[in-house]
């Protein structure tokens, strides 16, 4: 199975860490891949190296979770693409990436 989580707020980023960990730990679900798509500047700002959850997010990256940030939202004044955690992929648009992933068979979870 494949799952994509859609996060738009800083609170969503905090919640998604626990949700993804729970999904990966669920032995009744065979996961092929998990992605997290952030599509608003406030949420993307949580994906930088100095963020409170940076170590948790690095852990998800280490577990093979794809973290994706919308290039349009990364134009937010509080965000710099160069400050994002190593491994965060900047995509052309969050909604485009969500559409592509769903078309590829990913289950969609909106937080």
PDB file of N, CA and C in Angstrom:
ATOM      1  N   UNK A   1       0.832  -1.178   0.000  1.00  0.00           N
ATOM      2  CA  UNK A   1       0.000   0.000   0.000  1.00  0.00           C
ATOM      3  C   UNK A   1       0.881   1.247   0.000  1.00  0.00           C
ATOM      4  N   UNK A   2       0.283   2.325  -0.464  1.00  0.00           N
ATOM      5  CA  UNK A   2       0.960   3.617  -0.506  1.00  0.00           C
ATOM      6  C   UNK A   2       0.015   4.658   0.082  1.00  0.00           C
ATOM      7  N   UNK A   3       0.557   5.557   0.883  1.00  0.00           N
ATOM      8  CA  UNK A   3      -0.275   6.574   1.519  1.00  0.00           C
ATOM      9  C   UNK A   3       0.409   7.924   1.421  1.00  0.00           C
ATOM     10  N   UNK A   4      -0.398   8.960   1.156  1.00  0.00           N
ATOM     11  CA  UNK A   4       0.088  10.332   1.181  1.00  0.00           C
ATOM     12  C   UNK A   4      -0.715  11.112   2.222  1.00  0.00           C
ATOM     13  N   UNK A   5       0.000  11.833   3.069  1.00  0.00           N
ATOM     14  CA  UNK A   5      -0.606  12.720   4.058  1.00  0.00           C
ATOM     15  C   UNK A   5      -0.502  14.150   3.541  1.00  0.00           C
ATOM     16  N   UNK A   6      -1.583  14.890   3.616  1.00  0.00           N
ATOM     17  CA  UNK A   6      -1.646  16.285   3.168  1.00  0.00           C
ATOM     18  C   UNK A   6      -1.654  17.168   4.412  1.00  0.00           C
ATOM     19  N   UNK A   7      -0.611  18.002   4.570  1.00  0.00           N
ATOM     20  CA  UNK A   7      -0.512  18.884   5.733  1.00  0.00           C
ATOM     21  C   UNK A   7      -0.436  20.342   5.286  1.00  0.00           C
ATOM     22  N   UNK A   8      -1.178  21.191   5.988  1.00  0.00           N
ATOM     23  CA  UNK A   8      -1.239  22.606   5.612  1.00  0.00           C
ATOM     24  C   UNK A   8      -0.928  23.567   6.743  1.00  0.00           C
ATOM     25  N   UNK A   9      -0.836  23.074   7.976  1.00  0.00           N
ATOM     26  CA  UNK A   9      -0.595  23.961   9.114  1.00  0.00           C
ATOM     27  C   UNK A   9       0.557  23.410   9.958  1.00  0.00           C
ATOM     28  N   UNK A  10       1.164  24.255  10.777  1.00  0.00           N
ATOM     29  CA  UNK A  10       2.202  23.757  11.687  1.00  0.00           C
ATOM     30  C   UNK A  10       1.671  22.656  12.614  1.00  0.00           C
ATOM     31  N   UNK A  11       0.424  22.777  13.043  1.00  0.00           N
ATOM     32  CA  UNK A  11      -0.176  21.753  13.897  1.00  0.00           C
ATOM     33  C   UNK A  11      -0.262  20.424  13.159  1.00  0.00           C
ATOM     34  N   UNK A  12      -0.586  20.480  11.846  1.00  0.00           N
ATOM     35  CA  UNK A  12      -0.639  19.264  11.037  1.00  0.00           C
ATOM     36  C   UNK A  12       0.716  18.570  11.003  1.00  0.00           C
ATOM     37  N   UNK A  13       1.791  19.345  10.941  1.00  0.00           N
ATOM     38  CA  UNK A  13       3.132  18.754  10.894  1.00  0.00           C
ATOM     39  C   UNK A  13       3.399  18.002  12.187  1.00  0.00           C
ATOM     40  N   UNK A  14       2.994  18.569  13.313  1.00  0.00           N
ATOM     41  CA  UNK A  14       3.198  17.887  14.592  1.00  0.00           C
ATOM     42  C   UNK A  14       2.413  16.573  14.636  1.00  0.00           C
ATOM     43  N   UNK A  15       1.181  16.617  14.149  1.00  0.00           N
ATOM     44  CA  UNK A  15       0.319  15.433  14.172  1.00  0.00           C
ATOM     45  C   UNK A  15       0.818  14.373  13.189  1.00  0.00           C
ATOM     46  N   UNK A  16       1.300  14.792  12.028  1.00  0.00           N
ATOM     47  CA  UNK A  16       1.677  13.821  11.004  1.00  0.00           C
ATOM     48  C   UNK A  16       2.838  12.940  11.454  1.00  0.00           C
ATOM     49  N   UNK A  17       3.716  13.458  12.270  1.00  0.00           N
ATOM     50  CA  UNK A  17       4.836  12.637  12.759  1.00  0.00           C
ATOM     51  C   UNK A  17       4.284  11.415  13.489  1.00  0.00           C
ATOM     52  N   UNK A  18       3.350  11.628  14.392  1.00  0.00           N
ATOM     53  CA  UNK A  18       2.758  10.512  15.143  1.00  0.00           C
ATOM     54  C   UNK A  18       1.943   9.604  14.236  1.00  0.00           C
ATOM     55  N   UNK A  19       1.183  10.179  13.325  1.00  0.00           N
ATOM     56  CA  UNK A  19       0.346   9.372  12.429  1.00  0.00           C
ATOM     57  C   UNK A  19       1.203   8.470  11.536  1.00  0.00           C
ATOM     58  N   UNK A  20       2.271   9.023  10.986  1.00  0.00           N
ATOM     59  CA  UNK A  20       3.140   8.225  10.118  1.00  0.00           C
ATOM     60  C   UNK A  20       3.820   7.124  10.926  1.00  0.00           C
ATOM     61  N   UNK A  21       4.297   7.452  12.111  1.00  0.00           N
ATOM     62  CA  UNK A  21       4.923   6.421  12.956  1.00  0.00           C
ATOM     63  C   UNK A  21       3.937   5.289  13.264  1.00  0.00           C
ATOM     64  N   UNK A  22       2.689   5.679  13.583  1.00  0.00           N
ATOM     65  CA  UNK A  22       1.669   4.669  13.867  1.00  0.00           C
ATOM     66  C   UNK A  22       1.417   3.795  12.642  1.00  0.00           C
ATOM     67  N   UNK A  23       1.345   4.408  11.471  1.00  0.00           N
ATOM     68  CA  UNK A  23       1.108   3.653  10.241  1.00  0.00           C
ATOM     69  C   UNK A  23       2.256   2.683   9.974  1.00  0.00           C
ATOM     70  N   UNK A  24       3.477   3.167  10.101  1.00  0.00           N
ATOM     71  CA  UNK A  24       4.644   2.313   9.847  1.00  0.00           C
ATOM     72  C   UNK A  24       4.760   1.174  10.868  1.00  0.00           C
ATOM     73  N   UNK A  25       4.284   1.401  12.075  1.00  0.00           N
ATOM     74  CA  UNK A  25       4.367   0.388  13.131  1.00  0.00           C
ATOM     75  C   UNK A  25       3.239  -0.636  13.063  1.00  0.00           C
ATOM     76  N   UNK A  26       2.200  -0.345  12.292  1.00  0.00           N
ATOM     77  CA  UNK A  26       1.043  -1.235  12.195  1.00  0.00           C
ATOM     78  C   UNK A  26       1.406  -2.445  11.338  1.00  0.00           C
ATOM     79  N   UNK A  27       1.599  -3.574  11.986  1.00  0.00           N
ATOM     80  CA  UNK A  27       2.025  -4.782  11.290  1.00  0.00           C
ATOM     81  C   UNK A  27       0.928  -5.389  10.425  1.00  0.00           C
ATOM     82  N   UNK A  28      -0.296  -4.890  10.533  1.00  0.00           N
ATOM     83  CA  UNK A  28      -1.390  -5.416   9.714  1.00  0.00           C
ATOM     84  C   UNK A  28      -1.491  -4.708   8.362  1.00  0.00           C
ATOM     85  N   UNK A  29      -0.660  -3.683   8.170  1.00  0.00           N
ATOM     86  CA  UNK A  29      -0.668  -2.923   6.920  1.00  0.00           C
ATOM     87  C   UNK A  29       0.715  -3.027   6.301  1.00  0.00           C
ATOM     88  N   UNK A  30       0.779  -3.551   5.087  1.00  0.00           N
ATOM     89  CA  UNK A  30       2.057  -3.666   4.390  1.00  0.00           C
ATOM     90  C   UNK A  30       2.267  -2.404   3.553  1.00  0.00           C
ATOM     91  N   UNK A  31       3.148  -1.538   4.017  1.00  0.00           N
ATOM     92  CA  UNK A  31       3.368  -0.256   3.357  1.00  0.00           C
ATOM     93  C   UNK A  31       4.529  -0.341   2.383  1.00  0.00           C
ATOM     94  N   UNK A  32       4.275   0.100   1.159  1.00  0.00           N
ATOM     95  CA  UNK A  32       5.336   0.229   0.163  1.00  0.00           C
ATOM     96  C   UNK A  32       5.988   1.601   0.274  1.00  0.00           C
ATOM     97  N   UNK A  33       5.148   2.631   0.434  1.00  0.00           N
ATOM     98  CA  UNK A  33       5.712   3.969   0.548  1.00  0.00           C
ATOM     99  C   UNK A  33       4.725   4.915   1.222  1.00  0.00           C
ATOM    100  N   UNK A  34       5.315   5.911   1.881  1.00  0.00           N
ATOM    101  CA  UNK A  34       4.552   6.949   2.563  1.00  0.00           C
ATOM    102  C   UNK A  34       5.140   8.290   2.157  1.00  0.00           C
ATOM    103  N   UNK A  35       4.261   9.232   1.846  1.00  0.00           N
ATOM    104  CA  UNK A  35       4.688  10.589   1.505  1.00  0.00           C
ATOM    105  C   UNK A  35       3.909  11.577   2.358  1.00  0.00           C
ATOM    106  N   UNK A  36       4.537  12.707   2.624  1.00  0.00           N
ATOM    107  CA  UNK A  36       3.899  13.828   3.312  1.00  0.00           C
ATOM    108  C   UNK A  36       4.078  15.044   2.413  1.00  0.00           C
ATOM    109  N   UNK A  37       2.954  15.655   2.022  1.00  0.00           N
ATOM    110  CA  UNK A  37       2.998  16.831   1.154  1.00  0.00           C
ATOM    111  C   UNK A  37       2.523  18.041   1.943  1.00  0.00           C
ATOM    112  N   UNK A  38       3.391  19.062   2.035  1.00  0.00           N
ATOM    113  CA  UNK A  38       3.057  20.325   2.705  1.00  0.00           C
ATOM    114  C   UNK A  38       2.802  21.369   1.629  1.00  0.00           C
ATOM    115  N   UNK A  39       1.654  22.050   1.745  1.00  0.00           N
ATOM    116  CA  UNK A  39       1.284  22.970   0.677  1.00  0.00           C
ATOM    117  C   UNK A  39       1.031  24.408   1.122  1.00  0.00           C
ATOM    118  N   UNK A  40       1.427  24.759   2.331  1.00  0.00           N
ATOM    119  CA  UNK A  40       1.293  26.150   2.790  1.00  0.00           C
ATOM    120  C   UNK A  40       2.574  26.550   3.501  1.00  0.00           C
ATOM    121  N   UNK A  41       2.921  27.822   3.368  1.00  0.00           N
ATOM    122  CA  UNK A  41       4.175  28.319   3.916  1.00  0.00           C
ATOM    123  C   UNK A  41       4.356  28.060   5.390  1.00  0.00           C
ATOM    124  N   UNK A  42       3.285  28.217   6.162  1.00  0.00           N
ATOM    125  CA  UNK A  42       3.391  28.014   7.608  1.00  0.00           C
ATOM    126  C   UNK A  42       3.774  26.578   7.936  1.00  0.00           C
ATOM    127  N   UNK A  43       3.261  25.626   7.166  1.00  0.00           N
ATOM    128  CA  UNK A  43       3.596  24.222   7.395  1.00  0.00           C
ATOM    129  C   UNK A  43       5.006  23.913   6.901  1.00  0.00           C
ATOM    130  N   UNK A  44       5.357  24.476   5.754  1.00  0.00           N
ATOM    131  CA  UNK A  44       6.687  24.233   5.201  1.00  0.00           C
ATOM    132  C   UNK A  44       7.769  24.806   6.109  1.00  0.00           C
ATOM    133  N   UNK A  45       7.460  25.882   6.800  1.00  0.00           N
ATOM    134  CA  UNK A  45       8.422  26.472   7.729  1.00  0.00           C
ATOM    135  C   UNK A  45       8.809  25.485   8.829  1.00  0.00           C
ATOM    136  N   UNK A  46       7.968  24.495   9.088  1.00  0.00           N
ATOM    137  CA  UNK A  46       8.265  23.471  10.092  1.00  0.00           C
ATOM    138  C   UNK A  46       9.229  22.406   9.572  1.00  0.00           C
ATOM    139  N   UNK A  47       9.568  22.463   8.285  1.00  0.00           N
ATOM    140  CA  UNK A  47      10.441  21.459   7.679  1.00  0.00           C
ATOM    141  C   UNK A  47      11.891  21.916   7.592  1.00  0.00           C
ATOM    142  N   UNK A  48      12.249  22.949   8.346  1.00  0.00           N
ATOM    143  CA  UNK A  48      13.632  23.437   8.281  1.00  0.00           C
ATOM    144  C   UNK A  48      14.468  22.855   9.412  1.00  0.00           C
ATOM    145  N   UNK A  49      15.761  22.942   9.225  1.00  0.00           N
ATOM    146  CA  UNK A  49      16.712  22.285  10.122  1.00  0.00           C
ATOM    147  C   UNK A  49      16.610  22.751  11.562  1.00  0.00           C
ATOM    148  N   UNK A  50      16.181  23.981  11.812  1.00  0.00           N
ATOM    149  CA  UNK A  50      16.104  24.488  13.172  1.00  0.00           C
ATOM    150  C   UNK A  50      14.744  24.329  13.818  1.00  0.00           C
ATOM    151  N   UNK A  51      13.811  23.690  13.138  1.00  0.00           N
ATOM    152  CA  UNK A  51      12.451  23.540  13.668  1.00  0.00           C
ATOM    153  C   UNK A  51      12.422  22.588  14.858  1.00  0.00           C
ATOM    154  N   UNK A  52      11.414  22.760  15.670  1.00  0.00           N
ATOM    155  CA  UNK A  52      11.245  21.941  16.870  1.00  0.00           C
ATOM    156  C   UNK A  52      11.196  20.441  16.548  1.00  0.00           C
ATOM    157  N   UNK A  53      10.594  20.079  15.441  1.00  0.00           N
ATOM    158  CA  UNK A  53      10.433  18.675  15.086  1.00  0.00           C
ATOM    159  C   UNK A  53      11.485  18.165  14.098  1.00  0.00           C
ATOM    160  N   UNK A  54      12.550  18.917  13.903  1.00  0.00           N
ATOM    161  CA  UNK A  54      13.547  18.559  12.896  1.00  0.00           C
ATOM    162  C   UNK A  54      14.082  17.139  13.091  1.00  0.00           C
ATOM    163  N   UNK A  55      14.406  16.765  14.307  1.00  0.00           N
ATOM    164  CA  UNK A  55      14.948  15.422  14.547  1.00  0.00           C
ATOM    165  C   UNK A  55      13.906  14.343  14.245  1.00  0.00           C
ATOM    166  N   UNK A  56      12.652  14.597  14.606  1.00  0.00           N
ATOM    167  CA  UNK A  56      11.586  13.644  14.300  1.00  0.00           C
ATOM    168  C   UNK A  56      11.413  13.502  12.792  1.00  0.00           C
ATOM    169  N   UNK A  57      11.463  14.614  12.083  1.00  0.00           N
ATOM    170  CA  UNK A  57      11.309  14.581  10.636  1.00  0.00           C
ATOM    171  C   UNK A  57      12.496  13.890   9.967  1.00  0.00           C
ATOM    172  N   UNK A  58      13.694  14.112  10.496  1.00  0.00           N
ATOM    173  CA  UNK A  58      14.862  13.391   9.982  1.00  0.00           C
ATOM    174  C   UNK A  58      14.677  11.880  10.173  1.00  0.00           C
ATOM    175  N   UNK A  59      14.090  11.514  11.296  1.00  0.00           N
ATOM    176  CA  UNK A  59      13.805  10.106  11.555  1.00  0.00           C
ATOM    177  C   UNK A  59      12.856   9.520  10.520  1.00  0.00           C
ATOM    178  N   UNK A  60      11.818  10.292  10.163  1.00  0.00           N
ATOM    179  CA  UNK A  60      10.893   9.825   9.124  1.00  0.00           C
ATOM    180  C   UNK A  60      11.613   9.675   7.792  1.00  0.00           C
ATOM    181  N   UNK A  61      12.439  10.662   7.458  1.00  0.00           N
ATOM    182  CA  UNK A  61      13.217  10.571   6.216  1.00  0.00           C
ATOM    183  C   UNK A  61      14.086   9.318   6.233  1.00  0.00           C
ATOM    184  N   UNK A  62      14.695   9.035   7.379  1.00  0.00           N
ATOM    185  CA  UNK A  62      15.532   7.851   7.524  1.00  0.00           C
ATOM    186  C   UNK A  62      14.753   6.551   7.383  1.00  0.00           C
ATOM    187  N   UNK A  63      13.455   6.616   7.679  1.00  0.00           N
ATOM    188  CA  UNK A  63      12.585   5.446   7.523  1.00  0.00           C
ATOM    189  C   UNK A  63      12.031   5.338   6.109  1.00  0.00           C
ATOM    190  N   UNK A  64      12.464   6.225   5.220  1.00  0.00           N
ATOM    191  CA  UNK A  64      12.027   6.159   3.833  1.00  0.00           C
ATOM    192  C   UNK A  64      10.794   6.968   3.499  1.00  0.00           C
ATOM    193  N   UNK A  65      10.327   7.765   4.442  1.00  0.00           N
ATOM    194  CA  UNK A  65       9.153   8.612   4.181  1.00  0.00           C
ATOM    195  C   UNK A  65       9.584   9.792   3.315  1.00  0.00           C
ATOM    196  N   UNK A  66       8.829  10.059   2.267  1.00  0.00           N
ATOM    197  CA  UNK A  66       9.121  11.192   1.389  1.00  0.00           C
ATOM    198  C   UNK A  66       8.454  12.443   1.947  1.00  0.00           C
ATOM    199  N   UNK A  67       9.241  13.477   2.226  1.00  0.00           N
ATOM    200  CA  UNK A  67       8.709  14.768   2.658  1.00  0.00           C
ATOM    201  C   UNK A  67       8.791  15.710   1.465  1.00  0.00           C
ATOM    202  N   UNK A  68       7.643  16.294   1.092  1.00  0.00           N
ATOM    203  CA  UNK A  68       7.574  17.121  -0.106  1.00  0.00           C
ATOM    204  C   UNK A  68       6.977  18.475   0.245  1.00  0.00           C
ATOM    205  N   UNK A  69       7.594  19.516  -0.288  1.00  0.00           N
ATOM    206  CA  UNK A  69       7.157  20.886  -0.025  1.00  0.00           C
ATOM    207  C   UNK A  69       6.777  21.561  -1.341  1.00  0.00           C
ATOM    208  N   UNK A  70       5.674  22.270  -1.323  1.00  0.00           N
ATOM    209  CA  UNK A  70       5.194  22.996  -2.494  1.00  0.00           C
ATOM    210  C   UNK A  70       6.111  24.190  -2.789  1.00  0.00           C
ATOM    211  N   UNK A  71       6.604  24.262  -4.013  1.00  0.00           N
ATOM    212  CA  UNK A  71       7.486  25.365  -4.406  1.00  0.00           C
ATOM    213  C   UNK A  71       6.753  26.717  -4.294  1.00  0.00           C
ATOM    214  N   UNK A  72       5.494  26.757  -4.656  1.00  0.00           N
ATOM    215  CA  UNK A  72       4.741  28.005  -4.567  1.00  0.00           C
ATOM    216  C   UNK A  72       4.650  28.489  -3.122  1.00  0.00           C
ATOM    217  N   UNK A  73       4.338  27.577  -2.216  1.00  0.00           N
ATOM    218  CA  UNK A  73       4.220  27.946  -0.807  1.00  0.00           C
ATOM    219  C   UNK A  73       5.574  28.263  -0.194  1.00  0.00           C
ATOM    220  N   UNK A  74       6.631  27.723  -0.772  1.00  0.00           N
ATOM    221  CA  UNK A  74       7.975  27.988  -0.256  1.00  0.00           C
ATOM    222  C   UNK A  74       8.414  29.420  -0.543  1.00  0.00           C
ATOM    223  N   UNK A  75       7.594  30.183  -1.224  1.00  0.00           N
ATOM    224  CA  UNK A  75       7.869  31.604  -1.450  1.00  0.00           C
ATOM    225  C   UNK A  75       7.431  32.450  -0.254  1.00  0.00           C
ATOM    226  N   UNK A  76       6.846  31.807   0.736  1.00  0.00           N
ATOM    227  CA  UNK A  76       6.400  32.480   1.964  1.00  0.00           C
ATOM    228  C   UNK A  76       7.600  33.148   2.627  1.00  0.00           C
ATOM    229  N   UNK A  77       7.412  34.329   3.185  1.00  0.00           N
ATOM    230  CA  UNK A  77       8.550  35.047   3.792  1.00  0.00           C
ATOM    231  C   UNK A  77       9.273  34.281   4.904  1.00  0.00           C
ATOM    232  N   UNK A  78       8.577  33.371   5.573  1.00  0.00           N
ATOM    233  CA  UNK A  78       9.192  32.642   6.680  1.00  0.00           C
ATOM    234  C   UNK A  78       9.946  31.400   6.208  1.00  0.00           C
ATOM    235  N   UNK A  79       9.991  31.164   4.891  1.00  0.00           N
ATOM    236  CA  UNK A  79      10.563  29.932   4.367  1.00  0.00           C
ATOM    237  C   UNK A  79      11.671  30.243   3.374  1.00  0.00           C
ATOM    238  N   UNK A  80      12.733  29.493   3.463  1.00  0.00           N
ATOM    239  CA  UNK A  80      13.774  29.538   2.446  1.00  0.00           C
ATOM    240  C   UNK A  80      14.063  28.102   2.045  1.00  0.00           C
ATOM    241  N   UNK A  81      13.996  27.815   0.756  1.00  0.00           N
ATOM    242  CA  UNK A  81      14.249  26.446   0.303  1.00  0.00           C
ATOM    243  C   UNK A  81      15.604  25.936   0.783  1.00  0.00           C
ATOM    244  N   UNK A  82      16.575  26.815   0.885  1.00  0.00           N
ATOM    245  CA  UNK A  82      17.910  26.396   1.302  1.00  0.00           C
ATOM    246  C   UNK A  82      17.965  25.985   2.773  1.00  0.00           C
ATOM    247  N   UNK A  83      16.964  26.403   3.561  1.00  0.00           N
ATOM    248  CA  UNK A  83      16.927  26.047   4.980  1.00  0.00           C
ATOM    249  C   UNK A  83      16.182  24.748   5.261  1.00  0.00           C
ATOM    250  N   UNK A  84      15.566  24.173   4.241  1.00  0.00           N
ATOM    251  CA  UNK A  84      14.809  22.947   4.451  1.00  0.00           C
ATOM    252  C   UNK A  84      15.747  21.802   4.825  1.00  0.00           C
ATOM    253  N   UNK A  85      15.220  20.862   5.573  1.00  0.00           N
ATOM    254  CA  UNK A  85      15.995  19.681   5.951  1.00  0.00           C
ATOM    255  C   UNK A  85      16.514  18.973   4.710  1.00  0.00           C
ATOM    256  N   UNK A  86      17.716  18.434   4.809  1.00  0.00           N
ATOM    257  CA  UNK A  86      18.241  17.611   3.725  1.00  0.00           C
ATOM    258  C   UNK A  86      17.275  16.456   3.495  1.00  0.00           C
ATOM    259  N   UNK A  87      16.908  16.250   2.261  1.00  0.00           N
ATOM    260  CA  UNK A  87      15.992  15.170   1.929  1.00  0.00           C
ATOM    261  C   UNK A  87      14.584  15.623   1.634  1.00  0.00           C
ATOM    262  N   UNK A  88      14.240  16.855   2.007  1.00  0.00           N
ATOM    263  CA  UNK A  88      12.916  17.379   1.663  1.00  0.00           C
ATOM    264  C   UNK A  88      12.935  17.735   0.181  1.00  0.00           C
ATOM    265  N   UNK A  89      11.975  17.194  -0.546  1.00  0.00           N
ATOM    266  CA  UNK A  89      11.874  17.458  -1.979  1.00  0.00           C
ATOM    267  C   UNK A  89      10.932  18.632  -2.222  1.00  0.00           C
ATOM    268  N   UNK A  90      11.383  19.603  -2.983  1.00  0.00           N
ATOM    269  CA  UNK A  90      10.521  20.720  -3.366  1.00  0.00           C
ATOM    270  C   UNK A  90       9.868  20.340  -4.686  1.00  0.00           C
ATOM    271  N   UNK A  91       8.534  20.344  -4.704  1.00  0.00           N
ATOM    272  CA  UNK A  91       7.770  19.952  -5.889  1.00  0.00           C
ATOM    273  C   UNK A  91       7.139  21.178  -6.529  1.00  0.00           C
ATOM    274  N   UNK A  92       6.766  21.055  -7.792  1.00  0.00           N
ATOM    275  CA  UNK A  92       6.252  22.202  -8.551  1.00  0.00           C
ATOM    276  C   UNK A  92       5.018  22.828  -7.905  1.00  0.00           C
ATOM    277  N   UNK A  93       4.120  22.019  -7.395  1.00  0.00           N
ATOM    278  CA  UNK A  93       2.973  22.524  -6.638  1.00  0.00           C
ATOM    279  C   UNK A  93       2.459  21.407  -5.740  1.00  0.00           C
ATOM    280  N   UNK A  94       1.982  21.785  -4.575  1.00  0.00           N
ATOM    281  CA  UNK A  94       1.468  20.786  -3.642  1.00  0.00           C
ATOM    282  C   UNK A  94       0.253  20.070  -4.196  1.00  0.00           C
ATOM    283  N   UNK A  95      -0.670  20.829  -4.775  1.00  0.00           N
ATOM    284  CA  UNK A  95      -1.886  20.208  -5.305  1.00  0.00           C
ATOM    285  C   UNK A  95      -1.556  19.316  -6.495  1.00  0.00           C
ATOM    286  N   UNK A  96      -0.591  19.708  -7.297  1.00  0.00           N
ATOM    287  CA  UNK A  96      -0.164  18.867  -8.410  1.00  0.00           C
ATOM    288  C   UNK A  96       0.426  17.563  -7.918  1.00  0.00           C
ATOM    289  N   UNK A  97       1.263  17.642  -6.894  1.00  0.00           N
ATOM    290  CA  UNK A  97       1.893  16.432  -6.343  1.00  0.00           C
ATOM    291  C   UNK A  97       0.846  15.520  -5.714  1.00  0.00           C
ATOM    292  N   UNK A  98      -0.109  16.090  -4.988  1.00  0.00           N
ATOM    293  CA  UNK A  98      -1.179  15.275  -4.412  1.00  0.00           C
ATOM    294  C   UNK A  98      -1.968  14.571  -5.510  1.00  0.00           C
ATOM    295  N   UNK A  99      -2.225  15.271  -6.598  1.00  0.00           N
ATOM    296  CA  UNK A  99      -2.947  14.688  -7.729  1.00  0.00           C
ATOM    297  C   UNK A  99      -2.143  13.556  -8.355  1.00  0.00           C
ATOM    298  N   UNK A 100      -0.852  13.789  -8.575  1.00  0.00           N
ATOM    299  CA  UNK A 100       0.004  12.753  -9.161  1.00  0.00           C
ATOM    300  C   UNK A 100       0.057  11.499  -8.279  1.00  0.00           C
ATOM    301  N   UNK A 101       0.234  11.715  -6.989  1.00  0.00           N
ATOM    302  CA  UNK A 101       0.346  10.575  -6.084  1.00  0.00           C
ATOM    303  C   UNK A 101      -0.963   9.789  -6.011  1.00  0.00           C
ATOM    304  N   UNK A 102      -2.086  10.489  -5.967  1.00  0.00           N
ATOM    305  CA  UNK A 102      -3.368   9.785  -5.939  1.00  0.00           C
ATOM    306  C   UNK A 102      -3.587   9.019  -7.244  1.00  0.00           C
ATOM    307  N   UNK A 103      -3.176   9.607  -8.358  1.00  0.00           N
ATOM    308  CA  UNK A 103      -3.291   8.928  -9.642  1.00  0.00           C
ATOM    309  C   UNK A 103      -2.406   7.676  -9.668  1.00  0.00           C
ATOM    310  N   UNK A 104      -1.310   7.701  -8.924  1.00  0.00           N
ATOM    311  CA  UNK A 104      -0.396   6.558  -8.855  1.00  0.00           C
ATOM    312  C   UNK A 104      -0.856   5.514  -7.834  1.00  0.00           C
ATOM    313  N   UNK A 105      -2.020   5.726  -7.218  1.00  0.00           N
ATOM    314  CA  UNK A 105      -2.576   4.730  -6.314  1.00  0.00           C
ATOM    315  C   UNK A 105      -2.384   4.989  -4.834  1.00  0.00           C
ATOM    316  N   UNK A 106      -1.869   6.154  -4.464  1.00  0.00           N
ATOM    317  CA  UNK A 106      -1.696   6.476  -3.051  1.00  0.00           C
ATOM    318  C   UNK A 106      -3.054   6.740  -2.394  1.00  0.00           C
ATOM    319  N   UNK A 107      -3.247   6.189  -1.204  1.00  0.00           N
ATOM    320  CA  UNK A 107      -4.393   6.557  -0.378  1.00  0.00           C
ATOM    321  C   UNK A 107      -4.133   7.966   0.137  1.00  0.00           C
ATOM    322  N   UNK A 108      -5.169   8.783   0.205  1.00  0.00           N
ATOM    323  CA  UNK A 108      -5.039  10.192   0.585  1.00  0.00           C
ATOM    324  C   UNK A 108      -5.591  10.380   1.987  1.00  0.00           C
ATOM    325  N   UNK A 109      -4.772  10.989   2.851  1.00  0.00           N
ATOM    326  CA  UNK A 109      -5.206  11.338   4.205  1.00  0.00           C
ATOM    327  C   UNK A 109      -4.967  12.807   4.425  1.00  0.00           C
ATOM    328  N   UNK A 110      -6.037  13.539   4.695  1.00  0.00           N
ATOM    329  CA  UNK A 110      -5.967  14.973   4.963  1.00  0.00           C
ATOM    330  C   UNK A 110      -5.985  15.188   6.464  1.00  0.00           C
ATOM    331  N   UNK A 111      -4.986  15.893   6.971  1.00  0.00           N
ATOM    332  CA  UNK A 111      -4.985  16.209   8.410  1.00  0.00           C
ATOM    333  C   UNK A 111      -5.630  17.549   8.631  1.00  0.00           C
TER     334      UNK A 111
END
